[in-house]
């Protein structure tokens, strides 16, 4: 089982920046993918960005050029640098871990609010 602890959410003005962090603990071996999803009230949870243990990244079209995902395999952490934030980025952001051996794990979620 993998446990995920998120941090870094908060309130920021449009155009501002925020960094989310996620620390994974547990029996982590082999190929895996870590990423961030977000869910706004009344909407489906959607993928924001992901990064594999081999370094491959994927981004939602809506955040390309603004968000950057990175990971430290030695520390089993993943970060999401969010720049040029927009009100539509407001959501609860969830860290996610996925692998064959451990299945899928979710963090508790952290609120990001972009508002003036």
C-alpha atoms as a PDB file:
ATOM      1  CA  UNK A   1       0.000   0.000   0.000  1.00  0.00           C
ATOM      2  CA  UNK A   2       1.183   3.503  -0.850  1.00  0.00           C
ATOM      3  CA  UNK A   3       0.352   6.564   1.203  1.00  0.00           C
ATOM      4  CA  UNK A   4       0.358  10.066  -0.263  1.00  0.00           C
ATOM      5  CA  UNK A   5       0.636  13.347   1.614  1.00  0.00           C
ATOM      6  CA  UNK A   6      -0.042  16.600  -0.215  1.00  0.00           C
ATOM      7  CA  UNK A   7       0.858  20.165   0.633  1.00  0.00           C
ATOM      8  CA  UNK A   8       1.019  23.602  -0.934  1.00  0.00           C
ATOM      9  CA  UNK A   9      -2.582  24.499  -1.667  1.00  0.00           C
ATOM     10  CA  UNK A  10      -4.010  27.895  -0.894  1.00  0.00           C
ATOM     11  CA  UNK A  11      -5.465  31.132  -2.184  1.00  0.00           C
ATOM     12  CA  UNK A  12      -3.757  33.037  -4.976  1.00  0.00           C
ATOM     13  CA  UNK A  13      -4.704  35.917  -7.266  1.00  0.00           C
ATOM     14  CA  UNK A  14      -5.112  35.415 -11.019  1.00  0.00           C
ATOM     15  CA  UNK A  15      -1.714  35.424 -12.682  1.00  0.00           C
ATOM     16  CA  UNK A  16      -0.033  34.233  -9.531  1.00  0.00           C
ATOM     17  CA  UNK A  17       1.919  31.068  -8.834  1.00  0.00           C
ATOM     18  CA  UNK A  18       1.628  28.150  -6.480  1.00  0.00           C
ATOM     19  CA  UNK A  19       3.541  24.921  -5.980  1.00  0.00           C
ATOM     20  CA  UNK A  20       1.968  21.664  -4.865  1.00  0.00           C
ATOM     21  CA  UNK A  21       4.003  18.832  -3.399  1.00  0.00           C
ATOM     22  CA  UNK A  22       3.227  15.183  -2.809  1.00  0.00           C
ATOM     23  CA  UNK A  23       5.266  12.710  -0.812  1.00  0.00           C
ATOM     24  CA  UNK A  24       4.740   8.988  -1.343  1.00  0.00           C
ATOM     25  CA  UNK A  25       5.607   6.318   1.168  1.00  0.00           C
ATOM     26  CA  UNK A  26       5.285   2.556   1.172  1.00  0.00           C
ATOM     27  CA  UNK A  27       6.506  -0.340  -0.938  1.00  0.00           C
ATOM     28  CA  UNK A  28       7.415   1.527  -4.109  1.00  0.00           C
ATOM     29  CA  UNK A  29       9.286  -0.478  -6.745  1.00  0.00           C
ATOM     30  CA  UNK A  30       9.457  -0.720 -10.506  1.00  0.00           C
ATOM     31  CA  UNK A  31       7.609   1.329 -13.056  1.00  0.00           C
ATOM     32  CA  UNK A  32       5.014   3.700 -11.719  1.00  0.00           C
ATOM     33  CA  UNK A  33       3.200   6.887 -12.575  1.00  0.00           C
ATOM     34  CA  UNK A  34       2.520   9.788 -10.266  1.00  0.00           C
ATOM     35  CA  UNK A  35       0.352  12.706 -11.135  1.00  0.00           C
ATOM     36  CA  UNK A  36      -2.112  15.366 -10.181  1.00  0.00           C
ATOM     37  CA  UNK A  37      -5.827  15.393 -10.793  1.00  0.00           C
ATOM     38  CA  UNK A  38      -8.258  18.138  -9.942  1.00  0.00           C
ATOM     39  CA  UNK A  39     -11.965  18.339  -9.298  1.00  0.00           C
ATOM     40  CA  UNK A  40     -14.086  21.458  -9.246  1.00  0.00           C
ATOM     41  CA  UNK A  41     -17.528  21.482  -7.591  1.00  0.00           C
ATOM     42  CA  UNK A  42     -20.080  19.676  -9.742  1.00  0.00           C
ATOM     43  CA  UNK A  43     -17.475  18.501 -12.234  1.00  0.00           C
ATOM     44  CA  UNK A  44     -15.644  15.273 -12.958  1.00  0.00           C
ATOM     45  CA  UNK A  45     -12.147  14.690 -11.701  1.00  0.00           C
ATOM     46  CA  UNK A  46      -9.676  15.361 -14.499  1.00  0.00           C
ATOM     47  CA  UNK A  47      -6.004  14.727 -15.111  1.00  0.00           C
ATOM     48  CA  UNK A  48      -3.816  17.806 -14.797  1.00  0.00           C
ATOM     49  CA  UNK A  49      -0.352  16.336 -15.247  1.00  0.00           C
ATOM     50  CA  UNK A  50       1.529  13.101 -14.736  1.00  0.00           C
ATOM     51  CA  UNK A  51       5.095  11.883 -14.690  1.00  0.00           C
ATOM     52  CA  UNK A  52       6.378   8.323 -14.831  1.00  0.00           C
ATOM     53  CA  UNK A  53       9.330   6.850 -12.979  1.00  0.00           C
ATOM     54  CA  UNK A  54      11.206   6.959 -16.291  1.00  0.00           C
ATOM     55  CA  UNK A  55      10.603  10.688 -16.624  1.00  0.00           C
ATOM     56  CA  UNK A  56       7.865  10.830 -19.246  1.00  0.00           C
ATOM     57  CA  UNK A  57       5.353  13.618 -18.665  1.00  0.00           C
ATOM     58  CA  UNK A  58       1.841  14.347 -19.798  1.00  0.00           C
ATOM     59  CA  UNK A  59      -0.231  17.508 -19.408  1.00  0.00           C
ATOM     60  CA  UNK A  60      -3.783  18.553 -19.933  1.00  0.00           C
ATOM     61  CA  UNK A  61      -4.068  20.978 -22.831  1.00  0.00           C
ATOM     62  CA  UNK A  62      -5.485  23.618 -20.514  1.00  0.00           C
ATOM     63  CA  UNK A  63      -2.306  23.779 -18.421  1.00  0.00           C
ATOM     64  CA  UNK A  64       0.435  23.274 -21.000  1.00  0.00           C
ATOM     65  CA  UNK A  65       2.970  26.064 -20.831  1.00  0.00           C
ATOM     66  CA  UNK A  66       1.772  27.121 -17.382  1.00  0.00           C
ATOM     67  CA  UNK A  67       2.227  24.059 -15.169  1.00  0.00           C
ATOM     68  CA  UNK A  68       5.324  21.921 -14.733  1.00  0.00           C
ATOM     69  CA  UNK A  69       5.395  18.524 -13.068  1.00  0.00           C
ATOM     70  CA  UNK A  70       8.568  17.000 -11.694  1.00  0.00           C
ATOM     71  CA  UNK A  71       9.594  14.144  -9.431  1.00  0.00           C
ATOM     72  CA  UNK A  72      12.461  13.010  -7.294  1.00  0.00           C
ATOM     73  CA  UNK A  73      12.643   9.230  -7.504  1.00  0.00           C
ATOM     74  CA  UNK A  74      15.078   8.963  -4.624  1.00  0.00           C
ATOM     75  CA  UNK A  75      12.679  10.776  -2.301  1.00  0.00           C
ATOM     76  CA  UNK A  76       9.476   9.519  -3.947  1.00  0.00           C
ATOM     77  CA  UNK A  77       8.076  12.997  -4.245  1.00  0.00           C
ATOM     78  CA  UNK A  78       6.294  14.816  -7.026  1.00  0.00           C
ATOM     79  CA  UNK A  79       5.747  18.543  -7.407  1.00  0.00           C
ATOM     80  CA  UNK A  80       3.484  20.661  -9.545  1.00  0.00           C
ATOM     81  CA  UNK A  81       4.646  24.186 -10.268  1.00  0.00           C
ATOM     82  CA  UNK A  82       1.644  26.247 -11.301  1.00  0.00           C
ATOM     83  CA  UNK A  83       2.206  29.607 -12.960  1.00  0.00           C
ATOM     84  CA  UNK A  84      -0.116  32.148 -14.567  1.00  0.00           C
ATOM     85  CA  UNK A  85      -3.014  30.776 -12.591  1.00  0.00           C
ATOM     86  CA  UNK A  86      -6.545  31.408 -13.794  1.00  0.00           C
ATOM     87  CA  UNK A  87      -9.867  31.335 -11.933  1.00  0.00           C
ATOM     88  CA  UNK A  88     -10.779  28.180 -13.849  1.00  0.00           C
ATOM     89  CA  UNK A  89      -7.855  26.438 -12.161  1.00  0.00           C
ATOM     90  CA  UNK A  90      -9.790  26.591  -8.901  1.00  0.00           C
ATOM     91  CA  UNK A  91     -10.363  23.049  -7.684  1.00  0.00           C
ATOM     92  CA  UNK A  92      -9.350  20.440  -5.180  1.00  0.00           C
ATOM     93  CA  UNK A  93      -6.105  18.930  -6.397  1.00  0.00           C
ATOM     94  CA  UNK A  94      -5.370  15.271  -5.715  1.00  0.00           C
ATOM     95  CA  UNK A  95      -2.064  13.481  -5.924  1.00  0.00           C
ATOM     96  CA  UNK A  96      -2.224  10.024  -7.487  1.00  0.00           C
ATOM     97  CA  UNK A  97       0.120   7.049  -7.604  1.00  0.00           C
ATOM     98  CA  UNK A  98      -0.315   4.032  -9.872  1.00  0.00           C
ATOM     99  CA  UNK A  99       1.646   0.820 -10.379  1.00  0.00           C
ATOM    100  CA  UNK A 100       0.952  -2.823 -11.111  1.00  0.00           C
ATOM    101  CA  UNK A 101       2.041  -4.049  -7.682  1.00  0.00           C
ATOM    102  CA  UNK A 102       0.392  -1.351  -5.587  1.00  0.00           C
ATOM    103  CA  UNK A 103      -2.625  -0.389  -7.629  1.00  0.00           C
ATOM    104  CA  UNK A 104      -3.930   3.159  -7.406  1.00  0.00           C
ATOM    105  CA  UNK A 105      -3.558   5.428  -4.391  1.00  0.00           C
ATOM    106  CA  UNK A 106      -4.935   8.910  -3.817  1.00  0.00           C
ATOM    107  CA  UNK A 107      -3.968  11.751  -1.569  1.00  0.00           C
ATOM    108  CA  UNK A 108      -6.510  13.524   0.599  1.00  0.00           C
ATOM    109  CA  UNK A 109      -6.695  16.529  -1.705  1.00  0.00           C
ATOM    110  CA  UNK A 110      -5.623  20.133  -1.292  1.00  0.00           C
ATOM    111  CA  UNK A 111      -7.688  23.183  -2.195  1.00  0.00           C
ATOM    112  CA  UNK A 112      -6.408  25.648  -4.769  1.00  0.00           C
ATOM    113  CA  UNK A 113      -8.434  28.829  -5.120  1.00  0.00           C
ATOM    114  CA  UNK A 114      -7.610  31.441  -7.747  1.00  0.00           C
ATOM    115  CA  UNK A 115      -9.549  34.620  -7.102  1.00  0.00           C
ATOM    116  CA  UNK A 116      -9.127  38.357  -6.771  1.00  0.00           C
END
